[in-house]
PDB file of N, CA and C in Angstrom:
ATOM      1  N   MET A   1     -33.400  -9.797 -46.882  1.00  0.00           N
ATOM      2  CA  MET A   1     -33.580  -8.870 -45.492  1.00  0.00           C
ATOM      3  C   MET A   1     -33.922  -9.764 -44.438  1.00  0.00           C
ATOM      4  N   ALA A   2     -33.104  -9.471 -43.558  1.00  0.00           N
ATOM      5  CA  ALA A   2     -33.841 -10.341 -42.037  1.00  0.00           C
ATOM      6  C   ALA A   2     -34.375  -9.308 -41.138  1.00  0.00           C
ATOM      7  N   THR A   3     -35.506  -9.986 -40.653  1.00  0.00           N
ATOM      8  CA  THR A   3     -36.375  -9.458 -39.754  1.00  0.00           C
ATOM      9  C   THR A   3     -36.323 -10.163 -38.357  1.00  0.00           C
ATOM     10  N   THR A   4     -36.027  -9.378 -37.184  1.00  0.00           N
ATOM     11  CA  THR A   4     -36.426  -9.838 -36.037  1.00  0.00           C
ATOM     12  C   THR A   4     -37.755 -10.154 -35.473  1.00  0.00           C
ATOM     13  N   ILE A   5     -37.915 -11.229 -35.038  1.00  0.00           N
ATOM     14  CA  ILE A   5     -39.435 -11.520 -34.349  1.00  0.00           C
ATOM     15  C   ILE A   5     -39.216 -11.649 -32.899  1.00  0.00           C
ATOM     16  N   GLN A   6     -40.010 -11.474 -32.079  1.00  0.00           N
ATOM     17  CA  GLN A   6     -40.116 -11.521 -30.583  1.00  0.00           C
ATOM     18  C   GLN A   6     -41.108 -12.786 -30.417  1.00  0.00           C
ATOM     19  N   VAL A   7     -40.488 -13.868 -29.718  1.00  0.00           N
ATOM     20  CA  VAL A   7     -41.463 -15.003 -29.489  1.00  0.00           C
ATOM     21  C   VAL A   7     -41.360 -15.282 -28.134  1.00  0.00           C
ATOM     22  N   SER A   8     -42.166 -16.010 -27.264  1.00  0.00           N
ATOM     23  CA  SER A   8     -41.868 -16.407 -26.172  1.00  0.00           C
ATOM     24  C   SER A   8     -40.751 -17.256 -25.707  1.00  0.00           C
ATOM     25  N   GLU A   9     -40.262 -17.791 -24.722  1.00  0.00           N
ATOM     26  CA  GLU A   9     -39.141 -18.772 -24.458  1.00  0.00           C
ATOM     27  C   GLU A   9     -39.541 -20.219 -24.664  1.00  0.00           C
ATOM     28  N   VAL A  10     -41.018 -20.340 -24.750  1.00  0.00           N
ATOM     29  CA  VAL A  10     -41.741 -21.697 -24.771  1.00  0.00           C
ATOM     30  C   VAL A  10     -41.970 -22.051 -26.326  1.00  0.00           C
ATOM     31  N   THR A  11     -42.259 -20.808 -26.991  1.00  0.00           N
ATOM     32  CA  THR A  11     -42.206 -20.715 -28.415  1.00  0.00           C
ATOM     33  C   THR A  11     -41.118 -21.022 -29.143  1.00  0.00           C
ATOM     34  N   ARG A  12     -39.707 -20.669 -28.456  1.00  0.00           N
ATOM     35  CA  ARG A  12     -38.354 -20.773 -28.928  1.00  0.00           C
ATOM     36  C   ARG A  12     -37.986 -22.323 -28.654  1.00  0.00           C
ATOM     37  N   GLN A  13     -38.403 -22.745 -27.515  1.00  0.00           N
ATOM     38  CA  GLN A  13     -38.005 -24.078 -27.457  1.00  0.00           C
ATOM     39  C   GLN A  13     -38.653 -24.987 -28.234  1.00  0.00           C
ATOM     40  N   LEU A  14     -40.097 -24.797 -28.583  1.00  0.00           N
ATOM     41  CA  LEU A  14     -40.898 -25.654 -29.175  1.00  0.00           C
ATOM     42  C   LEU A  14     -40.296 -25.765 -30.937  1.00  0.00           C
ATOM     43  N   LEU A  15     -39.784 -24.503 -31.279  1.00  0.00           N
ATOM     44  CA  LEU A  15     -39.268 -24.309 -32.595  1.00  0.00           C
ATOM     45  C   LEU A  15     -37.980 -24.994 -32.716  1.00  0.00           C
ATOM     46  N   GLU A  16     -37.147 -24.741 -31.408  1.00  0.00           N
ATOM     47  CA  GLU A  16     -35.886 -25.762 -31.789  1.00  0.00           C
ATOM     48  C   GLU A  16     -36.252 -27.241 -31.672  1.00  0.00           C
ATOM     49  N   ARG A  17     -37.156 -27.680 -31.146  1.00  0.00           N
ATOM     50  CA  ARG A  17     -37.266 -29.327 -30.832  1.00  0.00           C
ATOM     51  C   ARG A  17     -37.892 -29.470 -32.686  1.00  0.00           C
ATOM     52  N   VAL A  18     -39.112 -28.523 -33.184  1.00  0.00           N
ATOM     53  CA  VAL A  18     -39.168 -28.646 -34.590  1.00  0.00           C
ATOM     54  C   VAL A  18     -37.885 -28.809 -35.204  1.00  0.00           C
ATOM     55  N   LYS A  19     -37.359 -27.995 -35.063  1.00  0.00           N
ATOM     56  CA  LYS A  19     -35.681 -27.898 -36.013  1.00  0.00           C
ATOM     57  C   LYS A  19     -35.142 -28.906 -35.860  1.00  0.00           C
ATOM     58  N   GLU A  20     -34.941 -29.619 -34.784  1.00  0.00           N
ATOM     59  CA  GLU A  20     -34.065 -30.630 -34.692  1.00  0.00           C
ATOM     60  C   GLU A  20     -34.774 -32.138 -35.433  1.00  0.00           C
ATOM     61  N   LYS A  21     -35.887 -32.071 -35.186  1.00  0.00           N
ATOM     62  CA  LYS A  21     -36.586 -33.058 -35.760  1.00  0.00           C
ATOM     63  C   LYS A  21     -36.590 -33.104 -37.382  1.00  0.00           C
ATOM     64  N   GLN A  22     -36.942 -31.837 -37.934  1.00  0.00           N
ATOM     65  CA  GLN A  22     -36.475 -31.663 -39.172  1.00  0.00           C
ATOM     66  C   GLN A  22     -35.521 -31.410 -39.949  1.00  0.00           C
ATOM     67  N   LYS A  23     -34.495 -31.898 -38.805  1.00  0.00           N
ATOM     68  CA  LYS A  23     -32.975 -31.658 -39.275  1.00  0.00           C
ATOM     69  C   LYS A  23     -32.821 -30.294 -40.156  1.00  0.00           C
ATOM     70  N   ALA A  24     -33.798 -29.230 -39.900  1.00  0.00           N
ATOM     71  CA  ALA A  24     -33.491 -28.175 -40.528  1.00  0.00           C
ATOM     72  C   ALA A  24     -32.241 -27.345 -40.053  1.00  0.00           C
ATOM     73  N   LYS A  25     -31.546 -26.479 -40.815  1.00  0.00           N
ATOM     74  CA  LYS A  25     -30.696 -25.604 -40.376  1.00  0.00           C
ATOM     75  C   LYS A  25     -30.877 -24.494 -39.735  1.00  0.00           C
ATOM     76  N   THR A  26     -32.063 -23.865 -40.125  1.00  0.00           N
ATOM     77  CA  THR A  26     -32.469 -22.530 -39.481  1.00  0.00           C
ATOM     78  C   THR A  26     -33.887 -22.529 -39.056  1.00  0.00           C
ATOM     79  N   PHE A  27     -34.188 -21.378 -38.155  1.00  0.00           N
ATOM     80  CA  PHE A  27     -35.546 -21.381 -37.641  1.00  0.00           C
ATOM     81  C   PHE A  27     -36.469 -20.975 -38.996  1.00  0.00           C
ATOM     82  N   ASP A  28     -35.950 -20.305 -39.759  1.00  0.00           N
ATOM     83  CA  ASP A  28     -36.586 -19.661 -40.865  1.00  0.00           C
ATOM     84  C   ASP A  28     -37.096 -20.674 -41.941  1.00  0.00           C
ATOM     85  N   ILE A  29     -36.279 -21.920 -42.083  1.00  0.00           N
ATOM     86  CA  ILE A  29     -36.676 -23.012 -42.555  1.00  0.00           C
ATOM     87  C   ILE A  29     -38.146 -23.415 -42.035  1.00  0.00           C
ATOM     88  N   VAL A  30     -37.732 -23.640 -40.596  1.00  0.00           N
ATOM     89  CA  VAL A  30     -39.113 -24.395 -39.806  1.00  0.00           C
ATOM     90  C   VAL A  30     -40.367 -23.396 -40.101  1.00  0.00           C
ATOM     91  N   ILE A  31     -40.306 -22.267 -39.982  1.00  0.00           N
ATOM     92  CA  ILE A  31     -41.251 -21.375 -40.038  1.00  0.00           C
ATOM     93  C   ILE A  31     -41.923 -21.429 -41.403  1.00  0.00           C
ATOM     94  N   GLN A  32     -41.136 -21.585 -42.582  1.00  0.00           N
ATOM     95  CA  GLN A  32     -41.547 -21.535 -43.900  1.00  0.00           C
ATOM     96  C   GLN A  32     -42.410 -22.745 -44.249  1.00  0.00           C
ATOM     97  N   THR A  33     -41.877 -24.081 -43.512  1.00  0.00           N
ATOM     98  CA  THR A  33     -42.580 -25.272 -43.637  1.00  0.00           C
ATOM     99  C   THR A  33     -43.661 -25.205 -43.140  1.00  0.00           C
ATOM    100  N   MET A  34     -44.082 -24.627 -41.983  1.00  0.00           N
ATOM    101  CA  MET A  34     -45.204 -24.401 -41.214  1.00  0.00           C
ATOM    102  C   MET A  34     -46.163 -23.603 -41.774  1.00  0.00           C
ATOM    103  N   ALA A  35     -45.874 -22.492 -42.269  1.00  0.00           N
ATOM    104  CA  ALA A  35     -46.690 -21.738 -42.679  1.00  0.00           C
ATOM    105  C   ALA A  35     -47.168 -22.231 -44.284  1.00  0.00           C
ATOM    106  N   ARG A  36     -46.282 -22.942 -45.175  1.00  0.00           N
ATOM    107  CA  ARG A  36     -46.777 -23.576 -46.410  1.00  0.00           C
ATOM    108  C   ARG A  36     -47.476 -24.760 -46.218  1.00  0.00           C
ATOM    109  N   ASN A  37     -47.404 -25.539 -45.071  1.00  0.00           N
ATOM    110  CA  ASN A  37     -48.430 -26.222 -44.673  1.00  0.00           C
ATOM    111  C   ASN A  37     -49.612 -26.081 -43.877  1.00  0.00           C
ATOM    112  N   GLU A  38     -49.615 -24.626 -43.939  1.00  0.00           N
ATOM    113  CA  GLU A  38     -50.913 -24.017 -42.985  1.00  0.00           C
ATOM    114  C   GLU A  38     -51.836 -23.732 -44.125  1.00  0.00           C
ATOM    115  N   ILE A  39     -51.283 -23.018 -44.909  1.00  0.00           N
ATOM    116  CA  ILE A  39     -52.129 -22.761 -46.284  1.00  0.00           C
ATOM    117  C   ILE A  39     -52.022 -23.562 -47.263  1.00  0.00           C
ATOM    118  N   LYS A  40     -51.534 -24.760 -47.298  1.00  0.00           N
ATOM    119  CA  LYS A  40     -51.617 -25.799 -48.143  1.00  0.00           C
ATOM    120  C   LYS A  40     -51.255 -25.661 -49.336  1.00  0.00           C
ATOM    121  N   VAL A  41     -50.086 -25.127 -49.706  1.00  0.00           N
ATOM    122  CA  VAL A  41     -49.236 -24.834 -50.778  1.00  0.00           C
ATOM    123  C   VAL A  41     -48.776 -26.267 -51.567  1.00  0.00           C
ATOM    124  N   PRO A  42     -49.021 -26.540 -52.841  1.00  0.00           N
ATOM    125  CA  PRO A  42     -48.807 -28.075 -53.262  1.00  0.00           C
ATOM    126  C   PRO A  42     -47.163 -27.719 -53.660  1.00  0.00           C
ATOM    127  N   VAL A  43     -46.562 -28.922 -53.397  1.00  0.00           N
ATOM    128  CA  VAL A  43     -45.232 -29.244 -53.703  1.00  0.00           C
ATOM    129  C   VAL A  43     -44.926 -28.535 -54.840  1.00  0.00           C
ATOM    130  N   SER A  44     -45.791 -28.749 -55.885  1.00  0.00           N
ATOM    131  CA  SER A  44     -45.018 -28.379 -57.169  1.00  0.00           C
ATOM    132  C   SER A  44     -45.158 -26.992 -57.600  1.00  0.00           C
ATOM    133  N   MET A  45     -45.595 -26.168 -56.493  1.00  0.00           N
ATOM    134  CA  MET A  45     -45.650 -24.841 -56.465  1.00  0.00           C
ATOM    135  C   MET A  45     -44.670 -24.241 -55.712  1.00  0.00           C
ATOM    136  N   ARG A  46     -43.948 -24.927 -54.841  1.00  0.00           N
ATOM    137  CA  ARG A  46     -43.271 -24.104 -53.723  1.00  0.00           C
ATOM    138  C   ARG A  46     -42.063 -23.545 -54.259  1.00  0.00           C
ATOM    139  N   GLY A  47     -41.280 -24.053 -55.489  1.00  0.00           N
ATOM    140  CA  GLY A  47     -40.347 -23.463 -55.829  1.00  0.00           C
ATOM    141  C   GLY A  47     -40.733 -21.783 -56.660  1.00  0.00           C
ATOM    142  N   SER A  48     -41.735 -21.974 -57.197  1.00  0.00           N
ATOM    143  CA  SER A  48     -42.296 -20.617 -57.888  1.00  0.00           C
ATOM    144  C   SER A  48     -42.759 -19.585 -57.096  1.00  0.00           C
ATOM    145  N   LEU A  49     -43.163 -20.022 -55.682  1.00  0.00           N
ATOM    146  CA  LEU A  49     -43.756 -18.881 -54.829  1.00  0.00           C
ATOM    147  C   LEU A  49     -42.822 -17.738 -54.464  1.00  0.00           C
ATOM    148  N   LYS A  50     -41.395 -17.768 -54.547  1.00  0.00           N
ATOM    149  CA  LYS A  50     -40.514 -17.056 -54.021  1.00  0.00           C
ATOM    150  C   LYS A  50     -40.448 -16.027 -55.225  1.00  0.00           C
ATOM    151  N   TRP A  51     -41.001 -16.308 -56.397  1.00  0.00           N
ATOM    152  CA  TRP A  51     -40.896 -14.921 -57.450  1.00  0.00           C
ATOM    153  C   TRP A  51     -42.293 -14.422 -57.917  1.00  0.00           C
ATOM    154  N   ARG A  52     -43.261 -14.838 -57.410  1.00  0.00           N
ATOM    155  CA  ARG A  52     -44.570 -14.658 -57.125  1.00  0.00           C
ATOM    156  C   ARG A  52     -44.557 -13.349 -56.278  1.00  0.00           C
ATOM    157  N   LYS A  53     -45.753 -12.353 -56.848  1.00  0.00           N
ATOM    158  CA  LYS A  53     -45.599 -11.197 -55.949  1.00  0.00           C
ATOM    159  C   LYS A  53     -47.277 -11.352 -55.844  1.00  0.00           C
ATOM    160  N   TRP A  54     -47.806 -11.342 -54.538  1.00  0.00           N
ATOM    161  CA  TRP A  54     -48.864 -11.264 -54.214  1.00  0.00           C
ATOM    162  C   TRP A  54     -49.694 -10.292 -54.021  1.00  0.00           C
ATOM    163  N   ASN A  55     -51.025 -10.247 -54.539  1.00  0.00           N
ATOM    164  CA  ASN A  55     -51.994  -8.912 -54.562  1.00  0.00           C
ATOM    165  C   ASN A  55     -52.118  -8.708 -53.116  1.00  0.00           C
ATOM    166  N   LYS A  56     -51.942  -7.333 -52.707  1.00  0.00           N
ATOM    167  CA  LYS A  56     -52.220  -7.354 -51.012  1.00  0.00           C
ATOM    168  C   LYS A  56     -53.669  -7.425 -51.171  1.00  0.00           C
ATOM    169  N   SER A  57     -54.545  -7.080 -51.937  1.00  0.00           N
ATOM    170  CA  SER A  57     -56.098  -6.795 -51.484  1.00  0.00           C
ATOM    171  C   SER A  57     -56.749  -8.051 -51.620  1.00  0.00           C
ATOM    172  N   ARG A  58     -56.078  -9.044 -52.140  1.00  0.00           N
ATOM    173  CA  ARG A  58     -56.559 -10.605 -52.007  1.00  0.00           C
ATOM    174  C   ARG A  58     -56.204 -11.313 -50.747  1.00  0.00           C
ATOM    175  N   THR A  59     -54.664 -11.172 -50.267  1.00  0.00           N
ATOM    176  CA  THR A  59     -54.604 -11.743 -49.294  1.00  0.00           C
ATOM    177  C   THR A  59     -54.157 -10.980 -48.129  1.00  0.00           C
ATOM    178  N   GLY A  60     -54.132  -9.881 -48.036  1.00  0.00           N
ATOM    179  CA  GLY A  60     -54.310  -9.004 -46.901  1.00  0.00           C
ATOM    180  C   GLY A  60     -52.672  -8.696 -46.409  1.00  0.00           C
ATOM    181  N   SER A  61     -51.771  -9.228 -47.108  1.00  0.00           N
ATOM    182  CA  SER A  61     -50.191  -9.230 -47.009  1.00  0.00           C
ATOM    183  C   SER A  61     -49.469  -9.419 -47.954  1.00  0.00           C
ATOM    184  N   ASN A  62     -48.203  -8.798 -48.251  1.00  0.00           N
ATOM    185  CA  ASN A  62     -47.649  -8.725 -49.230  1.00  0.00           C
ATOM    186  C   ASN A  62     -46.037 -10.008 -49.419  1.00  0.00           C
ATOM    187  N   LEU A  63     -47.114 -11.178 -49.396  1.00  0.00           N
ATOM    188  CA  LEU A  63     -45.922 -12.180 -49.345  1.00  0.00           C
ATOM    189  C   LEU A  63     -45.129 -12.574 -50.648  1.00  0.00           C
ATOM    190  N   VAL A  64     -43.783 -12.751 -50.555  1.00  0.00           N
ATOM    191  CA  VAL A  64     -43.081 -13.330 -51.807  1.00  0.00           C
ATOM    192  C   VAL A  64     -42.377 -14.625 -51.756  1.00  0.00           C
TER     193      VAL A  64
END
């Protein structure tokens, strides 16, 4: 399911530059990479996270 988010033109340009640097196919991949790095998800867990349902009370959101 796709979701639209609104970002400023400056943010879009920054994301575009990161996308080119990472040779990523989509902005989604760029954002996921930055988010994973921010919460310091170990590389060994990255494949399993898409199946894990997070407890809303612990994280404040419902990440999948």
